[in-house]
Amino acid sequence: MKQIIAVIILAFAGIASAFTQPDFHAMLESIDSQANFNNRDFSSRMTMIREDPETGIEKTVSRQFRRDRNDSFVILIEEPEVKRGQGYLRVSDNLWFYDPESRIFTHSSMK
């Protein structure tokens, strides 16, 4: 008898959960609001480690400065020493790359 009641309760619980769908639009808005810094500037120090069986492990350390209200960011490479000083600047759809060795800016548009 207890088993039959348990099965009936589980069946009703399954049916009830099928009728209540989560609000995916609200979930996405919540996630976007956590990653959007419209009223503040954002800066971080990022460490990226790439493991490749052929070339080995490559570690890149960079600083990122982001301003969402202007749709812009700057990334400055700190490590490895060979790439130190390289940087990216993005403002709207324009992206500039700077190489300190050649002292040249390279511009590209994301349109």
C-alpha atoms as a PDB file:
ATOM      1  CA  MET A   1       0.000   0.000   0.000  1.00  0.00           C
ATOM      2  CA  LYS A   2       2.794   2.418   0.899  1.00  0.00           C
ATOM      3  CA  GLN A   3       4.475   1.692  -2.429  1.00  0.00           C
ATOM      4  CA  ILE A   4       1.317   2.520  -4.363  1.00  0.00           C
ATOM      5  CA  ILE A   5       0.918   5.817  -2.493  1.00  0.00           C
ATOM      6  CA  ALA A   6       4.580   6.669  -3.145  1.00  0.00           C
ATOM      7  CA  VAL A   7       4.157   5.950  -6.873  1.00  0.00           C
ATOM      8  CA  ILE A   8       1.016   8.098  -7.036  1.00  0.00           C
ATOM      9  CA  ILE A   9       2.764  10.991  -5.244  1.00  0.00           C
ATOM     10  CA  LEU A  10       5.749  10.752  -7.594  1.00  0.00           C
ATOM     11  CA  ALA A  11       3.444  10.682 -10.614  1.00  0.00           C
ATOM     12  CA  PHE A  12       1.627  13.828  -9.475  1.00  0.00           C
ATOM     13  CA  ALA A  13       4.937  15.533  -8.710  1.00  0.00           C
ATOM     14  CA  GLY A  14       6.163  14.718 -12.218  1.00  0.00           C
ATOM     15  CA  ILE A  15       2.987  16.029 -13.806  1.00  0.00           C
ATOM     16  CA  ALA A  16       3.092  19.232 -11.725  1.00  0.00           C
ATOM     17  CA  SER A  17       6.723  19.891 -12.643  1.00  0.00           C
ATOM     18  CA  ALA A  18       5.901  19.439 -16.338  1.00  0.00           C
ATOM     19  CA  PHE A  19       3.373  22.288 -16.170  1.00  0.00           C
ATOM     20  CA  THR A  20       5.686  24.747 -14.390  1.00  0.00           C
ATOM     21  CA  GLN A  21       8.338  25.832 -16.860  1.00  0.00           C
ATOM     22  CA  PRO A  22      11.191  28.039 -15.697  1.00  0.00           C
ATOM     23  CA  ASP A  23      11.305  31.591 -17.034  1.00  0.00           C
ATOM     24  CA  PHE A  24      14.409  31.404 -19.241  1.00  0.00           C
ATOM     25  CA  HIS A  25      14.135  35.058 -20.255  1.00  0.00           C
ATOM     26  CA  ALA A  26      14.330  36.129 -16.599  1.00  0.00           C
ATOM     27  CA  MET A  27      17.282  33.797 -16.058  1.00  0.00           C
ATOM     28  CA  LEU A  28      19.204  35.329 -18.967  1.00  0.00           C
ATOM     29  CA  GLU A  29      18.438  38.864 -17.765  1.00  0.00           C
ATOM     30  CA  SER A  30      19.755  37.953 -14.321  1.00  0.00           C
ATOM     31  CA  ILE A  31      22.983  36.551 -15.788  1.00  0.00           C
ATOM     32  CA  ASP A  32      23.444  39.598 -18.037  1.00  0.00           C
ATOM     33  CA  SER A  33      22.919  41.998 -15.138  1.00  0.00           C
ATOM     34  CA  GLN A  34      25.678  40.248 -13.174  1.00  0.00           C
ATOM     35  CA  ALA A  35      28.170  40.694 -16.041  1.00  0.00           C
ATOM     36  CA  ASN A  36      27.227  44.261 -16.980  1.00  0.00           C
ATOM     37  CA  PHE A  37      29.020  47.166 -15.290  1.00  0.00           C
ATOM     38  CA  ASN A  38      27.233  50.145 -16.888  1.00  0.00           C
ATOM     39  CA  ASN A  39      27.747  52.542 -13.991  1.00  0.00           C
ATOM     40  CA  ARG A  40      31.242  51.439 -12.979  1.00  0.00           C
ATOM     41  CA  ASP A  41      34.635  50.778 -14.476  1.00  0.00           C
ATOM     42  CA  PHE A  42      35.953  47.251 -14.200  1.00  0.00           C
ATOM     43  CA  SER A  43      39.557  46.091 -13.977  1.00  0.00           C
ATOM     44  CA  SER A  44      41.043  42.656 -13.508  1.00  0.00           C
ATOM     45  CA  ARG A  45      44.260  40.719 -13.717  1.00  0.00           C
ATOM     46  CA  MET A  46      43.768  37.610 -15.824  1.00  0.00           C
ATOM     47  CA  THR A  47      45.960  34.535 -15.989  1.00  0.00           C
ATOM     48  CA  MET A  48      45.386  32.199 -18.922  1.00  0.00           C
ATOM     49  CA  ILE A  49      47.166  28.860 -19.099  1.00  0.00           C
ATOM     50  CA  ARG A  50      47.103  26.974 -22.376  1.00  0.00           C
ATOM     51  CA  GLU A  51      48.246  23.364 -22.462  1.00  0.00           C
ATOM     52  CA  ASP A  52      49.179  21.977 -25.866  1.00  0.00           C
ATOM     53  CA  PRO A  53      50.709  18.504 -26.237  1.00  0.00           C
ATOM     54  CA  GLU A  54      52.963  19.721 -29.057  1.00  0.00           C
ATOM     55  CA  THR A  55      54.114  23.128 -27.779  1.00  0.00           C
ATOM     56  CA  GLY A  56      53.767  22.597 -24.030  1.00  0.00           C
ATOM     57  CA  ILE A  57      52.303  24.961 -21.468  1.00  0.00           C
ATOM     58  CA  GLU A  58      51.986  28.673 -22.233  1.00  0.00           C
ATOM     59  CA  LYS A  59      51.057  31.126 -19.485  1.00  0.00           C
ATOM     60  CA  THR A  60      49.748  34.601 -20.328  1.00  0.00           C
ATOM     61  CA  VAL A  61      49.129  37.232 -17.666  1.00  0.00           C
ATOM     62  CA  SER A  62      47.285  40.400 -18.642  1.00  0.00           C
ATOM     63  CA  ARG A  63      45.460  43.357 -17.164  1.00  0.00           C
ATOM     64  CA  GLN A  64      42.004  44.238 -18.420  1.00  0.00           C
ATOM     65  CA  PHE A  65      40.276  47.589 -17.994  1.00  0.00           C
ATOM     66  CA  ARG A  66      36.653  47.709 -19.106  1.00  0.00           C
ATOM     67  CA  ARG A  67      34.097  50.501 -19.417  1.00  0.00           C
ATOM     68  CA  ASP A  68      30.717  49.152 -20.543  1.00  0.00           C
ATOM     69  CA  ARG A  69      28.969  52.525 -20.792  1.00  0.00           C
ATOM     70  CA  ASN A  70      31.400  53.452 -23.609  1.00  0.00           C
ATOM     71  CA  ASP A  71      31.558  49.904 -25.000  1.00  0.00           C
ATOM     72  CA  SER A  72      35.348  49.898 -24.628  1.00  0.00           C
ATOM     73  CA  PHE A  73      38.163  47.898 -23.069  1.00  0.00           C
ATOM     74  CA  VAL A  74      41.964  47.790 -22.853  1.00  0.00           C
ATOM     75  CA  ILE A  75      44.024  44.628 -22.414  1.00  0.00           C
ATOM     76  CA  LEU A  76      47.732  44.922 -21.575  1.00  0.00           C
ATOM     77  CA  ILE A  77      49.958  41.828 -21.702  1.00  0.00           C
ATOM     78  CA  GLU A  78      52.324  41.456 -18.715  1.00  0.00           C
ATOM     79  CA  GLU A  79      53.670  37.927 -19.240  1.00  0.00           C
ATOM     80  CA  PRO A  80      55.382  36.181 -21.003  1.00  0.00           C
ATOM     81  CA  GLU A  81      58.300  38.580 -21.204  1.00  0.00           C
ATOM     82  CA  VAL A  82      58.417  38.243 -25.017  1.00  0.00           C
ATOM     83  CA  LYS A  83      54.884  39.686 -25.335  1.00  0.00           C
ATOM     84  CA  ARG A  84      55.154  42.209 -22.474  1.00  0.00           C
ATOM     85  CA  GLY A  85      53.743  45.593 -23.456  1.00  0.00           C
ATOM     86  CA  GLN A  86      51.499  44.327 -26.228  1.00  0.00           C
ATOM     87  CA  GLY A  87      47.978  45.598 -25.896  1.00  0.00           C
ATOM     88  CA  TYR A  88      44.500  45.770 -27.331  1.00  0.00           C
ATOM     89  CA  LEU A  89      42.135  48.731 -27.293  1.00  0.00           C
ATOM     90  CA  ARG A  90      38.526  48.344 -28.363  1.00  0.00           C
ATOM     91  CA  VAL A  91      36.122  51.249 -28.697  1.00  0.00           C
ATOM     92  CA  SER A  92      32.730  50.316 -30.181  1.00  0.00           C
ATOM     93  CA  ASP A  93      33.466  48.350 -33.369  1.00  0.00           C
ATOM     94  CA  ASN A  94      37.109  49.458 -33.673  1.00  0.00           C
ATOM     95  CA  LEU A  95      39.976  47.321 -32.389  1.00  0.00           C
ATOM     96  CA  TRP A  96      43.598  48.434 -32.185  1.00  0.00           C
ATOM     97  CA  PHE A  97      46.577  46.190 -31.424  1.00  0.00           C
ATOM     98  CA  TYR A  98      49.885  47.679 -30.270  1.00  0.00           C
ATOM     99  CA  ASP A  99      53.241  45.922 -30.558  1.00  0.00           C
ATOM    100  CA  PRO A 100      55.944  47.732 -28.555  1.00  0.00           C
ATOM    101  CA  GLU A 101      58.760  45.994 -30.440  1.00  0.00           C
ATOM    102  CA  SER A 102      57.771  47.479 -33.801  1.00  0.00           C
ATOM    103  CA  ARG A 103      55.971  50.481 -32.214  1.00  0.00           C
ATOM    104  CA  ILE A 104      53.112  50.029 -34.655  1.00  0.00           C
ATOM    105  CA  PHE A 105      49.365  50.160 -34.061  1.00  0.00           C
ATOM    106  CA  THR A 106      47.264  47.801 -36.158  1.00  0.00           C
ATOM    107  CA  HIS A 107      43.619  48.783 -36.636  1.00  0.00           C
ATOM    108  CA  SER A 108      40.754  46.519 -37.575  1.00  0.00           C
ATOM    109  CA  SER A 109      37.023  47.027 -37.640  1.00  0.00           C
ATOM    110  CA  MET A 110      34.597  44.415 -36.350  1.00  0.00           C
ATOM    111  CA  LYS A 111      31.897  45.443 -38.837  1.00  0.00           C
END
